[in-house]
């Protein structure tokens, strides 16, 4: 490969060196990220009774009030039901009545899912995982030097680059590896190539 670089490529290279790598991540809003709500912070008093006194929504709102009228409203066909049952390896309905009940249940579930999808989540940041985001919870989840101290004691610094290397230790396997492997097999079949355990 030639070491020659054309003029425009050299200019692009200079520009990249000048500005350095930049993040390509885009954010949905320009607002700075909010600090997590700290339930133990005295600056934010929460009146639990006032919060729980007026319900903001009910599960009954997400399920149609007149179930008999609603059945079939979303238009799930019997062929689609049979396809879903085959995909999930479930038994087919034994009678037209059972098929009608399954279609009704599926319609209600789809109605519930669509209501949940219509919930306004504007400005709500998605959870990365379910965890305790209070100050105390974050402190408990943080791994500090104290937790790592035992592991760091088992390392030696070696070489010119001073890389940490773990000391080799003899692992005590007494009483662990002397169990009968074949004892747990319920059936043993002898074949010309060897034995197979079941």
N, C-alpha and C. Protein backbone atom coordinates (compact mmCIF):
# COMPACT_ATOMS: atom_id res chain seq x y z
N UNK A 1 0.85 -1.18 0.00
CA UNK A 1 0.00 0.00 0.00
C UNK A 1 0.89 1.24 0.00
N UNK A 2 0.52 2.20 -0.79
CA UNK A 2 1.31 3.41 -0.93
C UNK A 2 1.15 4.32 0.28
N UNK A 3 2.22 5.02 0.62
CA UNK A 3 2.18 5.96 1.74
C UNK A 3 1.68 7.33 1.30
N UNK A 4 1.47 7.51 -0.01
CA UNK A 4 1.01 8.78 -0.55
C UNK A 4 -0.45 9.03 -0.19
N UNK A 5 -0.76 10.24 0.29
CA UNK A 5 -2.13 10.63 0.61
C UNK A 5 -2.46 11.86 -0.22
N UNK A 6 -3.61 11.84 -0.87
CA UNK A 6 -4.00 12.98 -1.70
C UNK A 6 -4.28 14.20 -0.83
N UNK A 7 -4.36 15.35 -1.48
CA UNK A 7 -4.51 16.61 -0.78
C UNK A 7 -5.80 16.68 0.04
N UNK A 8 -6.91 16.23 -0.53
CA UNK A 8 -8.19 16.33 0.19
C UNK A 8 -8.22 15.37 1.39
N UNK A 9 -7.61 14.17 1.22
CA UNK A 9 -7.55 13.23 2.35
C UNK A 9 -6.69 13.78 3.48
N UNK A 10 -5.57 14.45 3.10
CA UNK A 10 -4.68 15.03 4.11
C UNK A 10 -5.42 16.13 4.88
N UNK A 11 -6.22 16.94 4.17
CA UNK A 11 -6.99 18.00 4.83
C UNK A 11 -8.02 17.40 5.78
N UNK A 12 -8.67 16.32 5.36
CA UNK A 12 -9.64 15.65 6.23
C UNK A 12 -8.96 15.09 7.47
N UNK A 13 -7.76 14.53 7.26
CA UNK A 13 -7.02 13.96 8.38
C UNK A 13 -6.65 15.04 9.39
N UNK A 14 -6.22 16.21 8.89
CA UNK A 14 -5.88 17.32 9.79
C UNK A 14 -7.10 17.78 10.59
N UNK A 15 -8.25 17.86 9.91
CA UNK A 15 -9.48 18.28 10.59
C UNK A 15 -9.85 17.31 11.69
N UNK A 16 -9.74 16.02 11.39
CA UNK A 16 -10.07 15.01 12.41
C UNK A 16 -9.12 15.09 13.59
N UNK A 17 -7.84 15.33 13.32
CA UNK A 17 -6.87 15.43 14.43
C UNK A 17 -7.15 16.66 15.29
N UNK A 18 -7.56 17.75 14.62
CA UNK A 18 -7.78 19.00 15.34
C UNK A 18 -8.96 18.90 16.30
N UNK A 19 -10.06 18.31 15.84
CA UNK A 19 -11.26 18.26 16.66
C UNK A 19 -11.37 17.00 17.48
N UNK A 20 -10.64 15.97 17.13
CA UNK A 20 -10.68 14.73 17.89
C UNK A 20 -11.99 13.99 17.70
N UNK A 21 -12.05 12.78 18.25
CA UNK A 21 -13.29 12.00 18.10
C UNK A 21 -14.43 12.64 18.88
N UNK A 22 -15.57 12.71 18.25
CA UNK A 22 -16.74 13.29 18.92
C UNK A 22 -17.83 12.25 19.02
N UNK A 23 -18.64 12.39 20.01
CA UNK A 23 -19.72 11.44 20.23
C UNK A 23 -20.78 11.60 19.15
N UNK A 24 -21.26 10.47 18.64
CA UNK A 24 -22.32 10.50 17.63
C UNK A 24 -23.68 10.26 18.25
N UNK A 25 -23.74 10.15 19.56
CA UNK A 25 -25.01 9.85 20.22
C UNK A 25 -25.91 11.08 20.20
N UNK A 26 -27.14 10.87 19.86
CA UNK A 26 -28.11 11.96 19.86
C UNK A 26 -29.05 11.79 21.04
N UNK A 27 -29.49 12.89 21.57
CA UNK A 27 -30.39 12.87 22.72
C UNK A 27 -31.74 13.39 22.30
N UNK A 28 -32.78 12.91 22.97
CA UNK A 28 -34.14 13.28 22.59
C UNK A 28 -34.48 14.71 23.01
N UNK A 29 -33.81 15.22 24.01
CA UNK A 29 -34.10 16.59 24.45
C UNK A 29 -32.80 17.26 24.84
N UNK A 30 -32.82 18.57 24.85
CA UNK A 30 -31.62 19.31 25.22
C UNK A 30 -31.54 19.57 26.71
N UNK A 31 -32.55 19.16 27.44
CA UNK A 31 -32.56 19.37 28.89
C UNK A 31 -31.51 18.48 29.54
N UNK A 32 -30.81 19.00 30.56
CA UNK A 32 -29.82 18.15 31.24
C UNK A 32 -30.50 17.00 31.95
N UNK A 33 -29.78 15.87 32.13
CA UNK A 33 -30.40 14.73 32.81
C UNK A 33 -30.78 15.08 34.23
N UNK A 34 -31.93 14.59 34.67
CA UNK A 34 -32.42 14.90 36.02
C UNK A 34 -31.75 14.00 37.04
N UNK A 35 -31.56 14.55 38.20
CA UNK A 35 -31.05 13.74 39.31
C UNK A 35 -32.15 12.80 39.76
N UNK A 36 -31.80 11.56 40.13
CA UNK A 36 -32.85 10.64 40.59
C UNK A 36 -33.51 11.14 41.87
N UNK A 37 -34.78 10.87 42.01
CA UNK A 37 -35.54 11.29 43.18
C UNK A 37 -35.01 10.57 44.41
N UNK A 38 -34.58 11.33 45.39
CA UNK A 38 -34.05 10.73 46.61
C UNK A 38 -35.15 10.76 47.66
N UNK A 39 -35.66 9.60 48.02
CA UNK A 39 -36.78 9.53 48.95
C UNK A 39 -36.39 9.89 50.38
N UNK A 40 -35.09 9.85 50.68
CA UNK A 40 -34.66 10.15 52.04
C UNK A 40 -34.20 11.60 52.19
N UNK A 41 -34.26 12.37 51.11
CA UNK A 41 -33.80 13.75 51.14
C UNK A 41 -34.83 14.62 51.85
N UNK A 42 -34.45 15.33 52.93
CA UNK A 42 -35.41 16.15 53.66
C UNK A 42 -35.91 17.36 52.86
N UNK A 43 -35.21 17.75 51.78
CA UNK A 43 -35.63 18.90 51.00
C UNK A 43 -36.88 18.59 50.17
N UNK A 44 -37.17 17.30 49.97
CA UNK A 44 -38.32 16.92 49.16
C UNK A 44 -39.32 16.15 50.02
N UNK A 45 -40.12 16.85 50.82
CA UNK A 45 -41.09 16.12 51.65
C UNK A 45 -42.20 15.53 50.78
N UNK A 46 -42.54 14.28 51.04
CA UNK A 46 -43.57 13.60 50.27
C UNK A 46 -44.71 13.25 51.21
N UNK A 47 -45.90 13.74 50.87
CA UNK A 47 -47.08 13.42 51.65
C UNK A 47 -47.72 12.18 51.02
N UNK A 48 -47.45 11.02 51.60
CA UNK A 48 -47.91 9.75 51.04
C UNK A 48 -49.43 9.67 51.03
N UNK A 49 -50.07 10.14 52.10
CA UNK A 49 -51.53 10.07 52.17
C UNK A 49 -52.18 10.88 51.06
N UNK A 50 -51.62 12.05 50.77
CA UNK A 50 -52.16 12.89 49.69
C UNK A 50 -51.94 12.22 48.33
N UNK A 51 -50.79 11.57 48.18
CA UNK A 51 -50.51 10.88 46.92
C UNK A 51 -51.48 9.73 46.67
N UNK A 52 -51.78 8.98 47.72
CA UNK A 52 -52.62 7.80 47.58
C UNK A 52 -54.11 8.08 47.72
N UNK A 53 -54.49 9.31 48.09
CA UNK A 53 -55.91 9.60 48.31
C UNK A 53 -56.71 9.62 47.01
N UNK A 54 -56.11 10.12 45.93
CA UNK A 54 -56.81 10.18 44.65
C UNK A 54 -56.11 9.28 43.64
N UNK A 55 -56.76 8.20 43.21
CA UNK A 55 -56.13 7.35 42.20
C UNK A 55 -56.07 8.06 40.85
N UNK A 56 -54.97 7.90 40.16
CA UNK A 56 -54.81 8.56 38.86
C UNK A 56 -55.31 7.70 37.72
N UNK A 57 -55.37 6.40 37.93
CA UNK A 57 -55.89 5.50 36.90
C UNK A 57 -56.30 4.19 37.55
N UNK A 58 -57.01 3.38 36.80
CA UNK A 58 -57.47 2.09 37.30
C UNK A 58 -57.25 1.04 36.22
N UNK A 59 -57.03 -0.18 36.65
CA UNK A 59 -56.87 -1.28 35.71
C UNK A 59 -58.16 -1.50 34.93
N UNK A 60 -59.29 -1.20 35.56
CA UNK A 60 -60.59 -1.39 34.91
C UNK A 60 -60.72 -0.51 33.67
N UNK A 61 -60.02 0.64 33.66
CA UNK A 61 -60.06 1.51 32.49
C UNK A 61 -59.38 0.86 31.29
N UNK A 62 -58.43 -0.03 31.54
CA UNK A 62 -57.68 -0.65 30.46
C UNK A 62 -58.37 -1.87 29.87
N UNK A 63 -59.43 -2.33 30.53
CA UNK A 63 -60.20 -3.47 30.04
C UNK A 63 -61.56 -2.94 29.63
N UNK A 64 -62.07 -3.35 28.47
CA UNK A 64 -63.38 -2.82 28.03
C UNK A 64 -64.48 -3.17 29.01
N UNK A 65 -65.40 -2.21 29.22
CA UNK A 65 -66.46 -2.42 30.22
C UNK A 65 -67.47 -3.47 29.76
N UNK A 66 -67.83 -3.45 28.50
CA UNK A 66 -68.80 -4.42 27.99
C UNK A 66 -68.04 -5.48 27.20
N UNK A 67 -67.65 -6.57 27.90
CA UNK A 67 -66.81 -7.59 27.28
C UNK A 67 -67.53 -8.28 26.13
N UNK A 68 -68.82 -8.54 26.28
CA UNK A 68 -69.56 -9.25 25.24
C UNK A 68 -69.59 -8.44 23.94
N UNK A 69 -69.73 -7.12 24.08
CA UNK A 69 -69.79 -6.26 22.90
C UNK A 69 -68.41 -6.13 22.26
N UNK A 70 -67.38 -6.18 23.09
CA UNK A 70 -66.03 -5.93 22.60
C UNK A 70 -65.43 -7.12 21.86
N UNK A 71 -65.86 -8.34 22.18
CA UNK A 71 -65.24 -9.54 21.60
C UNK A 71 -65.31 -9.45 20.08
N UNK A 72 -64.16 -9.59 19.44
CA UNK A 72 -64.08 -9.53 17.98
C UNK A 72 -63.88 -8.13 17.44
N UNK A 73 -63.82 -7.12 18.31
CA UNK A 73 -63.68 -5.74 17.85
C UNK A 73 -62.32 -5.50 17.20
N UNK A 74 -61.28 -6.19 17.67
CA UNK A 74 -59.96 -5.99 17.10
C UNK A 74 -59.71 -6.87 15.88
N UNK A 75 -60.66 -7.75 15.58
CA UNK A 75 -60.59 -8.50 14.33
C UNK A 75 -59.54 -9.59 14.27
N UNK A 76 -59.34 -10.33 15.34
CA UNK A 76 -58.43 -11.48 15.29
C UNK A 76 -59.19 -12.63 14.65
N UNK A 77 -58.66 -13.14 13.56
CA UNK A 77 -59.34 -14.21 12.83
C UNK A 77 -58.98 -15.56 13.42
N UNK A 78 -59.84 -16.56 13.24
CA UNK A 78 -59.53 -17.91 13.73
C UNK A 78 -58.24 -18.47 13.14
N UNK A 79 -57.93 -18.10 11.87
CA UNK A 79 -56.68 -18.58 11.25
C UNK A 79 -55.47 -18.02 12.00
N UNK A 80 -55.55 -16.74 12.41
CA UNK A 80 -54.45 -16.14 13.17
C UNK A 80 -54.30 -16.81 14.53
N UNK A 81 -55.42 -17.13 15.17
CA UNK A 81 -55.38 -17.82 16.46
C UNK A 81 -54.71 -19.18 16.29
N UNK A 82 -55.10 -19.93 15.25
CA UNK A 82 -54.51 -21.25 15.01
C UNK A 82 -53.01 -21.13 14.75
N UNK A 83 -52.61 -20.09 14.00
CA UNK A 83 -51.20 -19.87 13.72
C UNK A 83 -50.42 -19.58 15.01
N UNK A 84 -50.98 -18.73 15.87
CA UNK A 84 -50.33 -18.43 17.15
C UNK A 84 -50.22 -19.67 18.04
N UNK A 85 -51.26 -20.48 18.05
CA UNK A 85 -51.23 -21.71 18.85
C UNK A 85 -50.17 -22.67 18.33
N UNK A 86 -50.04 -22.76 17.00
CA UNK A 86 -49.00 -23.64 16.43
C UNK A 86 -47.61 -23.12 16.77
N UNK A 87 -47.41 -21.79 16.69
CA UNK A 87 -46.10 -21.20 17.00
C UNK A 87 -45.70 -21.45 18.44
N UNK A 88 -46.66 -21.41 19.35
CA UNK A 88 -46.34 -21.61 20.76
C UNK A 88 -46.54 -23.05 21.21
N UNK A 89 -46.76 -23.96 20.25
CA UNK A 89 -46.89 -25.40 20.52
C UNK A 89 -47.99 -25.69 21.54
N UNK A 90 -49.10 -24.97 21.42
CA UNK A 90 -50.25 -25.19 22.29
C UNK A 90 -51.31 -25.99 21.54
N UNK A 91 -52.18 -26.70 22.25
CA UNK A 91 -53.20 -27.51 21.57
C UNK A 91 -54.26 -26.62 20.91
N UNK A 92 -54.78 -27.12 19.81
CA UNK A 92 -55.84 -26.41 19.09
C UNK A 92 -57.15 -26.53 19.86
N UNK A 93 -58.07 -25.58 19.67
CA UNK A 93 -59.36 -25.68 20.36
C UNK A 93 -60.13 -26.92 19.89
N UNK A 94 -60.80 -27.56 20.86
CA UNK A 94 -61.51 -28.81 20.56
C UNK A 94 -62.90 -28.56 19.98
N UNK A 95 -63.46 -27.39 20.26
CA UNK A 95 -64.82 -27.10 19.78
C UNK A 95 -64.91 -25.63 19.36
N UNK A 96 -65.93 -25.29 18.58
CA UNK A 96 -66.12 -23.88 18.20
C UNK A 96 -66.34 -22.97 19.42
N UNK A 97 -66.96 -23.50 20.47
CA UNK A 97 -67.18 -22.72 21.69
C UNK A 97 -65.84 -22.36 22.34
N UNK A 98 -64.94 -23.35 22.42
CA UNK A 98 -63.62 -23.11 23.02
C UNK A 98 -62.82 -22.12 22.16
N UNK A 99 -62.95 -22.23 20.84
CA UNK A 99 -62.28 -21.30 19.94
C UNK A 99 -62.80 -19.88 20.15
N UNK A 100 -64.12 -19.74 20.34
CA UNK A 100 -64.72 -18.42 20.57
C UNK A 100 -64.22 -17.82 21.88
N UNK A 101 -64.09 -18.65 22.93
CA UNK A 101 -63.57 -18.17 24.22
C UNK A 101 -62.11 -17.72 24.08
N UNK A 102 -61.32 -18.50 23.33
CA UNK A 102 -59.91 -18.12 23.12
C UNK A 102 -59.80 -16.81 22.36
N UNK A 103 -60.64 -16.64 21.34
CA UNK A 103 -60.63 -15.39 20.58
C UNK A 103 -61.03 -14.21 21.46
N UNK A 104 -62.02 -14.42 22.34
CA UNK A 104 -62.44 -13.36 23.26
C UNK A 104 -61.33 -12.98 24.22
N UNK A 105 -60.64 -13.98 24.77
CA UNK A 105 -59.53 -13.71 25.70
C UNK A 105 -58.41 -12.97 24.98
N UNK A 106 -58.09 -13.42 23.76
CA UNK A 106 -57.03 -12.77 22.99
C UNK A 106 -57.40 -11.34 22.66
N UNK A 107 -58.66 -11.09 22.33
CA UNK A 107 -59.12 -9.72 22.06
C UNK A 107 -58.95 -8.82 23.29
N UNK A 108 -59.35 -9.33 24.45
CA UNK A 108 -59.21 -8.54 25.68
C UNK A 108 -57.74 -8.24 25.98
N UNK A 109 -56.88 -9.23 25.78
CA UNK A 109 -55.46 -9.02 26.04
C UNK A 109 -54.87 -8.01 25.07
N UNK A 110 -55.25 -8.10 23.80
CA UNK A 110 -54.76 -7.13 22.82
C UNK A 110 -55.26 -5.72 23.11
N UNK A 111 -56.52 -5.62 23.56
CA UNK A 111 -57.06 -4.32 23.94
C UNK A 111 -56.24 -3.72 25.09
N UNK A 112 -55.92 -4.54 26.08
CA UNK A 112 -55.11 -4.10 27.22
C UNK A 112 -53.74 -3.62 26.75
N UNK A 113 -53.10 -4.40 25.88
CA UNK A 113 -51.75 -4.05 25.39
C UNK A 113 -51.80 -2.74 24.61
N UNK A 114 -52.82 -2.56 23.78
CA UNK A 114 -52.91 -1.32 23.00
C UNK A 114 -53.17 -0.12 23.89
N UNK A 115 -53.94 -0.29 24.94
CA UNK A 115 -54.15 0.82 25.89
C UNK A 115 -52.82 1.18 26.57
N UNK A 116 -52.03 0.15 26.91
CA UNK A 116 -50.74 0.41 27.55
C UNK A 116 -49.78 1.11 26.58
N UNK A 117 -49.86 0.77 25.31
CA UNK A 117 -49.00 1.41 24.31
C UNK A 117 -49.38 2.87 24.08
N UNK A 118 -50.62 3.24 24.37
CA UNK A 118 -51.07 4.61 24.17
C UNK A 118 -50.77 5.53 25.34
N UNK A 119 -50.17 5.00 26.40
CA UNK A 119 -49.84 5.83 27.56
C UNK A 119 -48.79 6.85 27.16
N UNK A 120 -49.00 8.11 27.55
CA UNK A 120 -48.07 9.18 27.21
C UNK A 120 -46.81 9.06 28.06
N UNK A 121 -45.68 8.81 27.41
CA UNK A 121 -44.41 8.68 28.13
C UNK A 121 -43.46 9.81 27.76
N UNK A 122 -44.01 10.93 27.33
CA UNK A 122 -43.18 12.08 26.96
C UNK A 122 -42.42 12.58 28.18
N UNK A 123 -41.12 12.69 28.06
CA UNK A 123 -40.28 13.19 29.14
C UNK A 123 -39.90 12.15 30.18
N UNK A 124 -40.38 10.93 30.03
CA UNK A 124 -40.04 9.87 30.98
C UNK A 124 -38.86 9.10 30.41
N UNK A 125 -37.76 9.08 31.16
CA UNK A 125 -36.58 8.36 30.69
C UNK A 125 -36.74 6.87 30.94
N UNK A 126 -36.42 6.03 29.96
CA UNK A 126 -36.59 4.59 30.16
C UNK A 126 -35.61 4.05 31.20
N UNK A 127 -36.06 3.04 31.94
CA UNK A 127 -35.20 2.43 32.96
C UNK A 127 -34.14 1.58 32.29
N UNK A 128 -32.92 1.67 32.79
CA UNK A 128 -31.86 0.76 32.34
C UNK A 128 -32.04 -0.59 32.99
N UNK A 129 -32.42 -0.55 34.25
CA UNK A 129 -32.74 -1.77 35.00
C UNK A 129 -33.53 -1.35 36.23
N UNK A 130 -34.16 -2.32 36.88
CA UNK A 130 -34.92 -2.01 38.09
C UNK A 130 -33.95 -2.08 39.26
N UNK A 131 -33.74 -0.95 39.89
CA UNK A 131 -32.77 -0.91 40.99
C UNK A 131 -33.17 0.21 41.95
N UNK A 132 -32.57 0.17 43.13
CA UNK A 132 -32.82 1.19 44.14
C UNK A 132 -31.97 2.40 43.79
N UNK A 133 -32.61 3.52 43.43
CA UNK A 133 -31.87 4.70 43.00
C UNK A 133 -31.78 5.77 44.08
N UNK A 134 -32.06 5.41 45.33
CA UNK A 134 -31.87 6.36 46.41
C UNK A 134 -30.38 6.46 46.71
N UNK A 135 -30.00 7.44 47.51
CA UNK A 135 -28.58 7.61 47.86
C UNK A 135 -28.04 6.38 48.55
N UNK A 136 -28.82 5.85 49.49
CA UNK A 136 -28.38 4.65 50.21
C UNK A 136 -28.25 3.46 49.27
N UNK A 137 -29.20 3.30 48.36
CA UNK A 137 -29.15 2.19 47.40
C UNK A 137 -27.95 2.28 46.49
N UNK A 138 -27.63 3.50 46.03
CA UNK A 138 -26.46 3.68 45.17
C UNK A 138 -25.17 3.40 45.93
N UNK A 139 -25.12 3.80 47.21
CA UNK A 139 -23.93 3.52 48.01
C UNK A 139 -23.74 2.02 48.21
N UNK A 140 -24.84 1.29 48.43
CA UNK A 140 -24.74 -0.16 48.61
C UNK A 140 -24.31 -0.86 47.33
N UNK A 141 -24.71 -0.35 46.17
CA UNK A 141 -24.37 -0.99 44.90
C UNK A 141 -22.97 -0.63 44.41
N UNK A 142 -22.37 0.42 44.98
CA UNK A 142 -21.06 0.85 44.53
C UNK A 142 -19.98 -0.09 45.05
N UNK A 143 -19.10 -0.51 44.16
CA UNK A 143 -17.98 -1.37 44.55
C UNK A 143 -16.79 -0.46 44.83
N UNK A 144 -16.32 -0.48 46.04
CA UNK A 144 -15.21 0.37 46.44
C UNK A 144 -13.93 -0.42 46.66
N UNK A 145 -12.92 0.29 47.15
CA UNK A 145 -11.61 -0.33 47.39
C UNK A 145 -11.68 -1.38 48.48
N UNK A 146 -12.54 -1.17 49.46
CA UNK A 146 -12.65 -2.15 50.56
C UNK A 146 -13.11 -3.51 50.06
N UNK A 147 -14.05 -3.53 49.11
CA UNK A 147 -14.53 -4.80 48.57
C UNK A 147 -13.46 -5.50 47.74
N UNK A 148 -12.58 -4.71 47.11
CA UNK A 148 -11.55 -5.28 46.24
C UNK A 148 -10.24 -5.58 46.96
N UNK A 149 -10.13 -5.16 48.22
CA UNK A 149 -8.85 -5.29 48.92
C UNK A 149 -8.36 -6.73 48.99
N UNK A 150 -9.23 -7.70 49.27
CA UNK A 150 -8.80 -9.11 49.36
C UNK A 150 -8.28 -9.60 48.02
N UNK A 151 -8.94 -9.23 46.93
CA UNK A 151 -8.48 -9.66 45.60
C UNK A 151 -7.17 -8.98 45.23
N UNK A 152 -7.00 -7.71 45.62
CA UNK A 152 -5.76 -7.00 45.30
C UNK A 152 -4.57 -7.54 46.09
N UNK A 153 -4.82 -8.08 47.28
CA UNK A 153 -3.73 -8.66 48.07
C UNK A 153 -3.15 -9.91 47.41
N UNK A 154 -3.93 -10.57 46.56
CA UNK A 154 -3.47 -11.80 45.91
C UNK A 154 -2.72 -11.52 44.61
N UNK A 155 -2.42 -10.25 44.33
CA UNK A 155 -1.73 -9.89 43.10
C UNK A 155 -0.32 -9.41 43.39
N UNK A 156 0.60 -9.71 42.46
CA UNK A 156 1.98 -9.22 42.51
C UNK A 156 2.23 -8.38 41.27
N UNK A 157 3.06 -7.34 41.41
CA UNK A 157 3.43 -6.50 40.28
C UNK A 157 4.67 -7.12 39.65
N UNK A 158 4.59 -7.41 38.34
CA UNK A 158 5.72 -8.07 37.66
C UNK A 158 6.02 -7.37 36.35
N UNK A 159 7.28 -7.50 35.94
CA UNK A 159 7.69 -7.04 34.63
C UNK A 159 8.03 -5.57 34.58
N UNK A 160 8.57 -5.19 33.42
CA UNK A 160 8.99 -3.82 33.23
C UNK A 160 7.79 -2.88 33.19
N UNK A 161 6.67 -3.37 32.68
CA UNK A 161 5.47 -2.54 32.59
C UNK A 161 4.65 -2.56 33.86
N UNK A 162 5.12 -3.28 34.86
CA UNK A 162 4.51 -3.36 36.19
C UNK A 162 3.04 -3.78 36.09
N UNK A 163 2.82 -4.89 35.40
CA UNK A 163 1.46 -5.41 35.27
C UNK A 163 1.13 -6.29 36.46
N UNK A 164 -0.07 -6.16 36.98
CA UNK A 164 -0.46 -7.03 38.10
C UNK A 164 -0.71 -8.46 37.62
N UNK A 165 -0.16 -9.42 38.36
CA UNK A 165 -0.36 -10.83 38.07
C UNK A 165 -0.87 -11.51 39.32
N UNK A 166 -1.89 -12.33 39.16
CA UNK A 166 -2.46 -13.06 40.30
C UNK A 166 -1.53 -14.19 40.71
N UNK A 167 -1.32 -14.32 42.02
CA UNK A 167 -0.50 -15.42 42.54
C UNK A 167 -1.19 -16.74 42.33
N UNK A 168 -0.43 -17.76 41.92
CA UNK A 168 -0.99 -19.09 41.74
C UNK A 168 -1.17 -19.72 43.11
N UNK A 169 -2.35 -20.25 43.33
CA UNK A 169 -2.65 -20.89 44.60
C UNK A 169 -3.08 -22.33 44.36
N UNK A 170 -2.81 -23.18 45.33
CA UNK A 170 -3.26 -24.56 45.24
C UNK A 170 -4.72 -24.59 45.68
N UNK A 171 -5.58 -25.11 44.82
CA UNK A 171 -7.00 -25.17 45.12
C UNK A 171 -7.29 -26.49 45.81
N UNK A 172 -7.94 -26.41 46.95
CA UNK A 172 -8.26 -27.61 47.72
C UNK A 172 -9.50 -28.26 47.12
N UNK A 173 -9.29 -29.42 46.46
CA UNK A 173 -10.41 -30.13 45.83
C UNK A 173 -10.79 -31.39 46.59
N UNK A 174 -10.31 -31.51 47.80
CA UNK A 174 -10.61 -32.71 48.58
C UNK A 174 -12.10 -32.74 48.92
N UNK A 175 -12.74 -33.86 48.63
CA UNK A 175 -14.16 -34.01 48.90
C UNK A 175 -15.05 -33.43 47.82
N UNK A 176 -14.45 -32.81 46.80
CA UNK A 176 -15.24 -32.21 45.73
C UNK A 176 -15.21 -33.08 44.48
N UNK A 177 -14.01 -33.55 44.12
CA UNK A 177 -13.86 -34.29 42.87
C UNK A 177 -13.90 -35.80 43.05
N UNK A 178 -14.18 -36.30 44.22
CA UNK A 178 -14.20 -37.75 44.41
C UNK A 178 -15.62 -38.31 44.45
N UNK A 179 -16.56 -37.67 43.77
CA UNK A 179 -17.93 -38.16 43.72
C UNK A 179 -18.10 -39.10 42.53
N UNK A 180 -19.10 -39.95 42.61
CA UNK A 180 -19.35 -40.94 41.57
C UNK A 180 -20.14 -40.30 40.43
N UNK A 181 -19.48 -40.11 39.31
CA UNK A 181 -20.10 -39.45 38.17
C UNK A 181 -21.23 -40.30 37.59
N UNK A 182 -21.00 -41.61 37.50
CA UNK A 182 -21.99 -42.50 36.90
C UNK A 182 -23.14 -42.80 37.84
N UNK A 183 -23.01 -42.44 39.09
CA UNK A 183 -24.05 -42.75 40.07
C UNK A 183 -25.35 -41.99 39.82
N UNK A 184 -25.29 -40.84 39.17
CA UNK A 184 -26.50 -40.05 38.94
C UNK A 184 -27.24 -40.48 37.68
N UNK A 185 -26.61 -41.30 36.82
CA UNK A 185 -27.27 -41.75 35.59
C UNK A 185 -28.33 -42.77 35.93
N UNK A 186 -29.52 -42.59 35.37
CA UNK A 186 -30.61 -43.53 35.66
C UNK A 186 -30.51 -44.78 34.80
N UNK A 187 -29.85 -44.68 33.66
CA UNK A 187 -29.77 -45.82 32.76
C UNK A 187 -28.43 -45.79 32.05
N UNK A 188 -27.83 -46.95 31.85
CA UNK A 188 -26.54 -47.04 31.17
C UNK A 188 -26.68 -48.01 30.00
N UNK A 189 -26.33 -47.56 28.80
CA UNK A 189 -26.45 -48.38 27.61
C UNK A 189 -25.05 -48.64 27.07
N UNK A 190 -24.71 -49.91 26.90
CA UNK A 190 -23.41 -50.29 26.35
C UNK A 190 -23.51 -50.35 24.83
N UNK A 191 -22.59 -49.69 24.14
CA UNK A 191 -22.54 -49.73 22.68
C UNK A 191 -21.14 -50.16 22.27
N UNK A 192 -20.94 -50.56 21.00
CA UNK A 192 -19.59 -50.95 20.57
C UNK A 192 -18.58 -49.80 20.69
N UNK A 193 -19.04 -48.56 20.53
CA UNK A 193 -18.14 -47.41 20.62
C UNK A 193 -17.91 -46.93 22.04
N UNK A 194 -18.60 -47.44 22.99
CA UNK A 194 -18.49 -47.00 24.38
C UNK A 194 -19.85 -47.03 25.03
N UNK A 195 -19.96 -46.41 26.18
CA UNK A 195 -21.24 -46.43 26.89
C UNK A 195 -21.90 -45.07 26.84
N UNK A 196 -23.21 -45.07 26.79
CA UNK A 196 -24.00 -43.84 26.79
C UNK A 196 -24.84 -43.83 28.05
N UNK A 197 -24.86 -42.70 28.74
CA UNK A 197 -25.61 -42.59 30.00
C UNK A 197 -26.87 -41.78 29.78
N UNK A 198 -27.95 -42.19 30.41
CA UNK A 198 -29.22 -41.46 30.33
C UNK A 198 -29.69 -41.10 31.70
